ModelCIF file with pLDDT and N, C-alpha, C, O atoms, coordinates in Angstrom:
data_MODEL
#
_entry.id   MODEL 
#
_entity.id                         1 
_entity.type                       polymer 
_entity.pdbx_number_of_molecules   1 
#
_entity_poly.entity_id                      1 
_entity_poly.type                           'polypeptide(L)' 
_entity_poly.nstd_linkage                   no 
_entity_poly.nstd_monomer                   no 
_entity_poly.pdbx_seq_one_letter_code       
;(UNK)(UNK)(UNK)(UNK)(UNK)(UNK)(UNK)(UNK)(UNK)(UNK)(UNK)(UNK)(UNK)(UNK)(UNK)(UNK)
(UNK)(UNK)(UNK)(UNK)(UNK)(UNK)(UNK)(UNK)(UNK)(UNK)(UNK)(UNK)(UNK)(UNK)(UNK)(UNK)
(UNK)
;
_entity_poly.pdbx_seq_one_letter_code_can   XXXXXXXXXXXXXXXXXXXXXXXXXXXXXXXXX 
_entity_poly.pdbx_strand_id                 A 
#
loop_
_entity_poly_seq.entity_id 
_entity_poly_seq.num 
_entity_poly_seq.mon_id 
_entity_poly_seq.hetero 
1 1  UNK n 
1 2  UNK n 
1 3  UNK n 
1 4  UNK n 
1 5  UNK n 
1 6  UNK n 
1 7  UNK n 
1 8  UNK n 
1 9  UNK n 
1 10 UNK n 
1 11 UNK n 
1 12 UNK n 
1 13 UNK n 
1 14 UNK n 
1 15 UNK n 
1 16 UNK n 
1 17 UNK n 
1 18 UNK n 
1 19 UNK n 
1 20 UNK n 
1 21 UNK n 
1 22 UNK n 
1 23 UNK n 
1 24 UNK n 
1 25 UNK n 
1 26 UNK n 
1 27 UNK n 
1 28 UNK n 
1 29 UNK n 
1 30 UNK n 
1 31 UNK n 
1 32 UNK n 
1 33 UNK n 
#
_struct_asym.id          A 
_struct_asym.entity_id   1 
#
loop_
_ma_qa_metric.id 
_ma_qa_metric.mode 
_ma_qa_metric.name 
_ma_qa_metric.software_group_id 
_ma_qa_metric.type 
1 global pLDDT . pLDDT 
2 local  pLDDT . pLDDT 
#
_ma_qa_metric_global.metric_id      1 
_ma_qa_metric_global.metric_value   70.70 
_ma_qa_metric_global.model_id       1 
_ma_qa_metric_global.ordinal_id     1 
#
loop_
_ma_qa_metric_local.label_asym_id 
_ma_qa_metric_local.label_comp_id 
_ma_qa_metric_local.label_seq_id 
_ma_qa_metric_local.metric_id 
_ma_qa_metric_local.metric_value 
_ma_qa_metric_local.model_id 
_ma_qa_metric_local.ordinal_id 
A UNK 1  2 54.00 1 1  
A UNK 2  2 60.00 1 2  
A UNK 3  2 61.00 1 3  
A UNK 4  2 61.00 1 4  
A UNK 5  2 66.00 1 5  
A UNK 6  2 68.00 1 6  
A UNK 7  2 73.00 1 7  
A UNK 8  2 71.00 1 8  
A UNK 9  2 71.00 1 9  
A UNK 10 2 73.00 1 10 
A UNK 11 2 68.00 1 11 
A UNK 12 2 70.00 1 12 
A UNK 13 2 64.00 1 13 
A UNK 14 2 66.00 1 14 
A UNK 15 2 68.00 1 15 
A UNK 16 2 69.00 1 16 
A UNK 17 2 69.00 1 17 
A UNK 18 2 71.00 1 18 
A UNK 19 2 71.00 1 19 
A UNK 20 2 71.00 1 20 
A UNK 21 2 69.00 1 21 
A UNK 22 2 69.00 1 22 
A UNK 23 2 81.00 1 23 
A UNK 24 2 75.00 1 24 
A UNK 25 2 70.00 1 25 
A UNK 26 2 72.00 1 26 
A UNK 27 2 78.00 1 27 
A UNK 28 2 74.00 1 28 
A UNK 29 2 71.00 1 29 
A UNK 30 2 76.00 1 30 
A UNK 31 2 84.00 1 31 
A UNK 32 2 84.00 1 32 
A UNK 33 2 85.00 1 33 
#
loop_
_atom_site.group_PDB 
_atom_site.id 
_atom_site.type_symbol 
_atom_site.label_atom_id 
_atom_site.label_alt_id 
_atom_site.label_comp_id 
_atom_site.label_asym_id 
_atom_site.label_entity_id 
_atom_site.label_seq_id 
_atom_site.pdbx_PDB_ins_code 
_atom_site.Cartn_x 
_atom_site.Cartn_y 
_atom_site.Cartn_z 
_atom_site.occupancy 
_atom_site.B_iso_or_equiv 
_atom_site.pdbx_formal_charge 
_atom_site.auth_seq_id 
_atom_site.auth_comp_id 
_atom_site.auth_asym_id 
_atom_site.auth_atom_id 
_atom_site.pdbx_PDB_model_num 
ATOM 1   N N  . UNK A 1 1  ? -72.162 64.717 -19.618 1.00 54.00 ? 1  UNK A N  1 
ATOM 2   C CA . UNK A 1 1  ? -71.032 64.628 -18.698 1.00 54.00 ? 1  UNK A CA 1 
ATOM 3   C C  . UNK A 1 1  ? -70.669 63.191 -18.368 1.00 54.00 ? 1  UNK A C  1 
ATOM 4   O O  . UNK A 1 1  ? -69.630 62.943 -17.756 1.00 54.00 ? 1  UNK A O  1 
ATOM 5   N N  . UNK A 1 2  ? -71.509 62.236 -18.762 1.00 60.00 ? 2  UNK A N  1 
ATOM 6   C CA . UNK A 1 2  ? -71.217 60.830 -18.541 1.00 60.00 ? 2  UNK A CA 1 
ATOM 7   C C  . UNK A 1 2  ? -71.395 60.364 -17.107 1.00 60.00 ? 2  UNK A C  1 
ATOM 8   O O  . UNK A 1 2  ? -70.833 59.340 -16.720 1.00 60.00 ? 2  UNK A O  1 
ATOM 9   N N  . UNK A 1 3  ? -72.153 61.086 -16.323 1.00 61.00 ? 3  UNK A N  1 
ATOM 10  C CA . UNK A 1 3  ? -72.346 60.734 -14.922 1.00 61.00 ? 3  UNK A CA 1 
ATOM 11  C C  . UNK A 1 3  ? -73.407 59.646 -14.812 1.00 61.00 ? 3  UNK A C  1 
ATOM 12  O O  . UNK A 1 3  ? -74.540 59.819 -15.262 1.00 61.00 ? 3  UNK A O  1 
ATOM 13  N N  . UNK A 1 4  ? -73.030 58.540 -14.215 1.00 61.00 ? 4  UNK A N  1 
ATOM 14  C CA . UNK A 1 4  ? -73.992 57.475 -13.976 1.00 61.00 ? 4  UNK A CA 1 
ATOM 15  C C  . UNK A 1 4  ? -74.837 57.863 -12.774 1.00 61.00 ? 4  UNK A C  1 
ATOM 16  O O  . UNK A 1 4  ? -74.655 58.946 -12.216 1.00 61.00 ? 4  UNK A O  1 
ATOM 17  N N  . UNK A 1 5  ? -75.745 57.008 -12.371 1.00 66.00 ? 5  UNK A N  1 
ATOM 18  C CA . UNK A 1 5  ? -76.582 57.300 -11.208 1.00 66.00 ? 5  UNK A CA 1 
ATOM 19  C C  . UNK A 1 5  ? -75.745 57.519 -9.949  1.00 66.00 ? 5  UNK A C  1 
ATOM 20  O O  . UNK A 1 5  ? -76.129 58.304 -9.082  1.00 66.00 ? 5  UNK A O  1 
ATOM 21  N N  . UNK A 1 6  ? -74.613 56.836 -9.841  1.00 68.00 ? 6  UNK A N  1 
ATOM 22  C CA . UNK A 1 6  ? -73.769 56.984 -8.655  1.00 68.00 ? 6  UNK A CA 1 
ATOM 23  C C  . UNK A 1 6  ? -72.635 57.985 -8.866  1.00 68.00 ? 6  UNK A C  1 
ATOM 24  O O  . UNK A 1 6  ? -71.867 58.268 -7.946  1.00 68.00 ? 6  UNK A O  1 
ATOM 25  N N  . UNK A 1 7  ? -72.535 58.517 -10.080 1.00 73.00 ? 7  UNK A N  1 
ATOM 26  C CA . UNK A 1 7  ? -71.457 59.455 -10.430 1.00 73.00 ? 7  UNK A CA 1 
ATOM 27  C C  . UNK A 1 7  ? -70.096 58.896 -10.023 1.00 73.00 ? 7  UNK A C  1 
ATOM 28  O O  . UNK A 1 7  ? -69.319 59.553 -9.331  1.00 73.00 ? 7  UNK A O  1 
ATOM 29  N N  . UNK A 1 8  ? -69.832 57.694 -10.458 1.00 71.00 ? 8  UNK A N  1 
ATOM 30  C CA . UNK A 1 8  ? -68.567 57.024 -10.191 1.00 71.00 ? 8  UNK A CA 1 
ATOM 31  C C  . UNK A 1 8  ? -67.706 57.101 -11.442 1.00 71.00 ? 8  UNK A C  1 
ATOM 32  O O  . UNK A 1 8  ? -68.200 56.938 -12.558 1.00 71.00 ? 8  UNK A O  1 
ATOM 33  N N  . UNK A 1 9  ? -66.423 57.349 -11.251 1.00 71.00 ? 9  UNK A N  1 
ATOM 34  C CA . UNK A 1 9  ? -65.496 57.444 -12.379 1.00 71.00 ? 9  UNK A CA 1 
ATOM 35  C C  . UNK A 1 9  ? -65.441 56.132 -13.154 1.00 71.00 ? 9  UNK A C  1 
ATOM 36  O O  . UNK A 1 9  ? -65.533 55.046 -12.582 1.00 71.00 ? 9  UNK A O  1 
ATOM 37  N N  . UNK A 1 10 ? -65.292 56.258 -14.440 1.00 73.00 ? 10 UNK A N  1 
ATOM 38  C CA . UNK A 1 10 ? -65.161 55.090 -15.300 1.00 73.00 ? 10 UNK A CA 1 
ATOM 39  C C  . UNK A 1 10 ? -63.743 55.087 -15.865 1.00 73.00 ? 10 UNK A C  1 
ATOM 40  O O  . UNK A 1 10 ? -63.203 56.141 -16.203 1.00 73.00 ? 10 UNK A O  1 
ATOM 41  N N  . UNK A 1 11 ? -63.145 53.908 -15.965 1.00 68.00 ? 11 UNK A N  1 
ATOM 42  C CA . UNK A 1 11 ? -61.779 53.786 -16.448 1.00 68.00 ? 11 UNK A CA 1 
ATOM 43  C C  . UNK A 1 11 ? -61.780 53.302 -17.887 1.00 68.00 ? 11 UNK A C  1 
ATOM 44  O O  . UNK A 1 11 ? -62.472 52.342 -18.224 1.00 68.00 ? 11 UNK A O  1 
ATOM 45  N N  . UNK A 1 12 ? -61.017 53.955 -18.722 1.00 70.00 ? 12 UNK A N  1 
ATOM 46  C CA . UNK A 1 12 ? -60.941 53.558 -20.130 1.00 70.00 ? 12 UNK A CA 1 
ATOM 47  C C  . UNK A 1 12 ? -59.783 52.617 -20.409 1.00 70.00 ? 12 UNK A C  1 
ATOM 48  O O  . UNK A 1 12 ? -59.769 51.950 -21.444 1.00 70.00 ? 12 UNK A O  1 
ATOM 49  N N  . UNK A 1 13 ? -58.814 52.549 -19.511 1.00 64.00 ? 13 UNK A N  1 
ATOM 50  C CA . UNK A 1 13 ? -57.647 51.696 -19.711 1.00 64.00 ? 13 UNK A CA 1 
ATOM 51  C C  . UNK A 1 13 ? -58.008 50.248 -19.406 1.00 64.00 ? 13 UNK A C  1 
ATOM 52  O O  . UNK A 1 13 ? -58.567 49.951 -18.350 1.00 64.00 ? 13 UNK A O  1 
ATOM 53  N N  . UNK A 1 14 ? -57.692 49.365 -20.316 1.00 66.00 ? 14 UNK A N  1 
ATOM 54  C CA . UNK A 1 14 ? -58.028 47.951 -20.148 1.00 66.00 ? 14 UNK A CA 1 
ATOM 55  C C  . UNK A 1 14 ? -56.794 47.089 -19.916 1.00 66.00 ? 14 UNK A C  1 
ATOM 56  O O  . UNK A 1 14 ? -56.911 45.970 -19.417 1.00 66.00 ? 14 UNK A O  1 
ATOM 57  N N  . UNK A 1 15 ? -55.616 47.588 -20.269 1.00 68.00 ? 15 UNK A N  1 
ATOM 58  C CA . UNK A 1 15 ? -54.398 46.807 -20.124 1.00 68.00 ? 15 UNK A CA 1 
ATOM 59  C C  . UNK A 1 15 ? -53.981 46.745 -18.661 1.00 68.00 ? 15 UNK A C  1 
ATOM 60  O O  . UNK A 1 15 ? -53.683 47.775 -18.056 1.00 68.00 ? 15 UNK A O  1 
ATOM 61  N N  . UNK A 1 16 ? -53.960 45.548 -18.092 1.00 69.00 ? 16 UNK A N  1 
ATOM 62  C CA . UNK A 1 16 ? -53.628 45.375 -16.691 1.00 69.00 ? 16 UNK A CA 1 
ATOM 63  C C  . UNK A 1 16 ? -52.145 45.045 -16.553 1.00 69.00 ? 16 UNK A C  1 
ATOM 64  O O  . UNK A 1 16 ? -51.748 43.882 -16.483 1.00 69.00 ? 16 UNK A O  1 
ATOM 65  N N  . UNK A 1 17 ? -51.345 46.100 -16.517 1.00 69.00 ? 17 UNK A N  1 
ATOM 66  C CA . UNK A 1 17 ? -49.900 45.928 -16.363 1.00 69.00 ? 17 UNK A CA 1 
ATOM 67  C C  . UNK A 1 17 ? -49.350 47.128 -15.622 1.00 69.00 ? 17 UNK A C  1 
ATOM 68  O O  . UNK A 1 17 ? -49.706 48.269 -15.917 1.00 69.00 ? 17 UNK A O  1 
ATOM 69  N N  . UNK A 1 18 ? -48.479 46.867 -14.655 1.00 71.00 ? 18 UNK A N  1 
ATOM 70  C CA . UNK A 1 18 ? -47.840 47.932 -13.893 1.00 71.00 ? 18 UNK A CA 1 
ATOM 71  C C  . UNK A 1 18 ? -46.740 48.545 -14.761 1.00 71.00 ? 18 UNK A C  1 
ATOM 72  O O  . UNK A 1 18 ? -45.981 47.823 -15.407 1.00 71.00 ? 18 UNK A O  1 
ATOM 73  N N  . UNK A 1 19 ? -46.658 49.858 -14.776 1.00 71.00 ? 19 UNK A N  1 
ATOM 74  C CA . UNK A 1 19 ? -45.696 50.548 -15.615 1.00 71.00 ? 19 UNK A CA 1 
ATOM 75  C C  . UNK A 1 19 ? -44.413 50.944 -14.884 1.00 71.00 ? 19 UNK A C  1 
ATOM 76  O O  . UNK A 1 19 ? -43.558 51.623 -15.452 1.00 71.00 ? 19 UNK A O  1 
ATOM 77  N N  . UNK A 1 20 ? -44.279 50.522 -13.630 1.00 71.00 ? 20 UNK A N  1 
ATOM 78  C CA . UNK A 1 20 ? -43.048 50.796 -12.886 1.00 71.00 ? 20 UNK A CA 1 
ATOM 79  C C  . UNK A 1 20 ? -42.025 49.706 -13.165 1.00 71.00 ? 20 UNK A C  1 
ATOM 80  O O  . UNK A 1 20 ? -42.370 48.547 -13.395 1.00 71.00 ? 20 UNK A O  1 
ATOM 81  N N  . UNK A 1 21 ? -40.782 50.099 -13.139 1.00 69.00 ? 21 UNK A N  1 
ATOM 82  C CA . UNK A 1 21 ? -39.727 49.088 -13.279 1.00 69.00 ? 21 UNK A CA 1 
ATOM 83  C C  . UNK A 1 21 ? -39.641 48.308 -11.974 1.00 69.00 ? 21 UNK A C  1 
ATOM 84  O O  . UNK A 1 21 ? -40.178 48.746 -10.957 1.00 69.00 ? 21 UNK A O  1 
ATOM 85  N N  . UNK A 1 22 ? -38.984 47.180 -11.992 1.00 69.00 ? 22 UNK A N  1 
ATOM 86  C CA . UNK A 1 22 ? -38.876 46.332 -10.815 1.00 69.00 ? 22 UNK A CA 1 
ATOM 87  C C  . UNK A 1 22 ? -38.270 47.058 -9.606  1.00 69.00 ? 22 UNK A C  1 
ATOM 88  O O  . UNK A 1 22 ? -38.835 46.942 -8.518  1.00 69.00 ? 22 UNK A O  1 
ATOM 89  N N  . UNK A 1 23 ? -37.178 47.786 -9.720  1.00 81.00 ? 23 UNK A N  1 
ATOM 90  C CA . UNK A 1 23 ? -36.649 48.498 -8.546  1.00 81.00 ? 23 UNK A CA 1 
ATOM 91  C C  . UNK A 1 23 ? -37.622 49.555 -8.014  1.00 81.00 ? 23 UNK A C  1 
ATOM 92  O O  . UNK A 1 23 ? -37.735 49.748 -6.804  1.00 81.00 ? 23 UNK A O  1 
ATOM 93  N N  . UNK A 1 24 ? -38.325 50.238 -8.929  1.00 75.00 ? 24 UNK A N  1 
ATOM 94  C CA . UNK A 1 24 ? -39.300 51.240 -8.499  1.00 75.00 ? 24 UNK A CA 1 
ATOM 95  C C  . UNK A 1 24 ? -40.440 50.587 -7.723  1.00 75.00 ? 24 UNK A C  1 
ATOM 96  O O  . UNK A 1 24 ? -40.860 51.090 -6.680  1.00 75.00 ? 24 UNK A O  1 
ATOM 97  N N  . UNK A 1 25 ? -40.931 49.474 -8.234  1.00 70.00 ? 25 UNK A N  1 
ATOM 98  C CA . UNK A 1 25 ? -42.025 48.769 -7.574  1.00 70.00 ? 25 UNK A CA 1 
ATOM 99  C C  . UNK A 1 25 ? -41.594 48.263 -6.207  1.00 70.00 ? 25 UNK A C  1 
ATOM 100 O O  . UNK A 1 25 ? -42.343 48.374 -5.236  1.00 70.00 ? 25 UNK A O  1 
ATOM 101 N N  . UNK A 1 26 ? -40.396 47.711 -6.129  1.00 72.00 ? 26 UNK A N  1 
ATOM 102 C CA . UNK A 1 26 ? -39.887 47.213 -4.846  1.00 72.00 ? 26 UNK A CA 1 
ATOM 103 C C  . UNK A 1 26 ? -39.794 48.349 -3.827  1.00 72.00 ? 26 UNK A C  1 
ATOM 104 O O  . UNK A 1 26 ? -40.141 48.163 -2.661  1.00 72.00 ? 26 UNK A O  1 
ATOM 105 N N  . UNK A 1 27 ? -39.330 49.523 -4.258  1.00 78.00 ? 27 UNK A N  1 
ATOM 106 C CA . UNK A 1 27 ? -39.228 50.672 -3.355  1.00 78.00 ? 27 UNK A CA 1 
ATOM 107 C C  . UNK A 1 27 ? -40.614 51.128 -2.884  1.00 78.00 ? 27 UNK A C  1 
ATOM 108 O O  . UNK A 1 27 ? -40.796 51.464 -1.714  1.00 78.00 ? 27 UNK A O  1 
ATOM 109 N N  . UNK A 1 28 ? -41.597 51.138 -3.810  1.00 74.00 ? 28 UNK A N  1 
ATOM 110 C CA . UNK A 1 28 ? -42.964 51.521 -3.428  1.00 74.00 ? 28 UNK A CA 1 
ATOM 111 C C  . UNK A 1 28 ? -43.538 50.554 -2.405  1.00 74.00 ? 28 UNK A C  1 
ATOM 112 O O  . UNK A 1 28 ? -44.173 50.975 -1.438  1.00 74.00 ? 28 UNK A O  1 
ATOM 113 N N  . UNK A 1 29 ? -43.319 49.261 -2.614  1.00 71.00 ? 29 UNK A N  1 
ATOM 114 C CA . UNK A 1 29 ? -43.838 48.265 -1.682  1.00 71.00 ? 29 UNK A CA 1 
ATOM 115 C C  . UNK A 1 29 ? -43.208 48.433 -0.307  1.00 71.00 ? 29 UNK A C  1 
ATOM 116 O O  . UNK A 1 29 ? -43.862 48.222 0.714   1.00 71.00 ? 29 UNK A O  1 
ATOM 117 N N  . UNK A 1 30 ? -41.942 48.812 -0.286  1.00 76.00 ? 30 UNK A N  1 
ATOM 118 C CA . UNK A 1 30 ? -41.240 48.970 0.993   1.00 76.00 ? 30 UNK A CA 1 
ATOM 119 C C  . UNK A 1 30 ? -41.612 50.255 1.714   1.00 76.00 ? 30 UNK A C  1 
ATOM 120 O O  . UNK A 1 30 ? -41.411 50.352 2.925   1.00 76.00 ? 30 UNK A O  1 
ATOM 121 N N  . UNK A 1 31 ? -42.140 51.233 1.018   1.00 84.00 ? 31 UNK A N  1 
ATOM 122 C CA . UNK A 1 31 ? -42.424 52.528 1.655   1.00 84.00 ? 31 UNK A CA 1 
ATOM 123 C C  . UNK A 1 31 ? -43.919 52.808 1.718   1.00 84.00 ? 31 UNK A C  1 
ATOM 124 O O  . UNK A 1 31 ? -44.561 52.535 2.732   1.00 84.00 ? 31 UNK A O  1 
ATOM 125 N N  . UNK A 1 32 ? -44.470 53.345 0.648   1.00 84.00 ? 32 UNK A N  1 
ATOM 126 C CA . UNK A 1 32 ? -45.863 53.807 0.639   1.00 84.00 ? 32 UNK A CA 1 
ATOM 127 C C  . UNK A 1 32 ? -46.846 52.677 0.931   1.00 84.00 ? 32 UNK A C  1 
ATOM 128 O O  . UNK A 1 32 ? -47.681 52.793 1.828   1.00 84.00 ? 32 UNK A O  1 
ATOM 129 N N  . UNK A 1 33 ? -46.749 51.607 0.189   1.00 85.00 ? 33 UNK A N  1 
ATOM 130 C CA . UNK A 1 33 ? -47.703 50.506 0.364   1.00 85.00 ? 33 UNK A CA 1 
ATOM 131 C C  . UNK A 1 33 ? -47.537 49.852 1.735   1.00 85.00 ? 33 UNK A C  1 
ATOM 132 O O  . UNK A 1 33 ? -48.255 48.907 2.059   1.00 85.00 ? 33 UNK A O  1 
#
């Protein structure tokens, strides 16, 4: 099952880039964040 001693999720994605467009990101920053 791949559970470490702490059973913490592991991430397979290595590319560090936001996939939202600029207007979407701006709206998220103004509301949720």
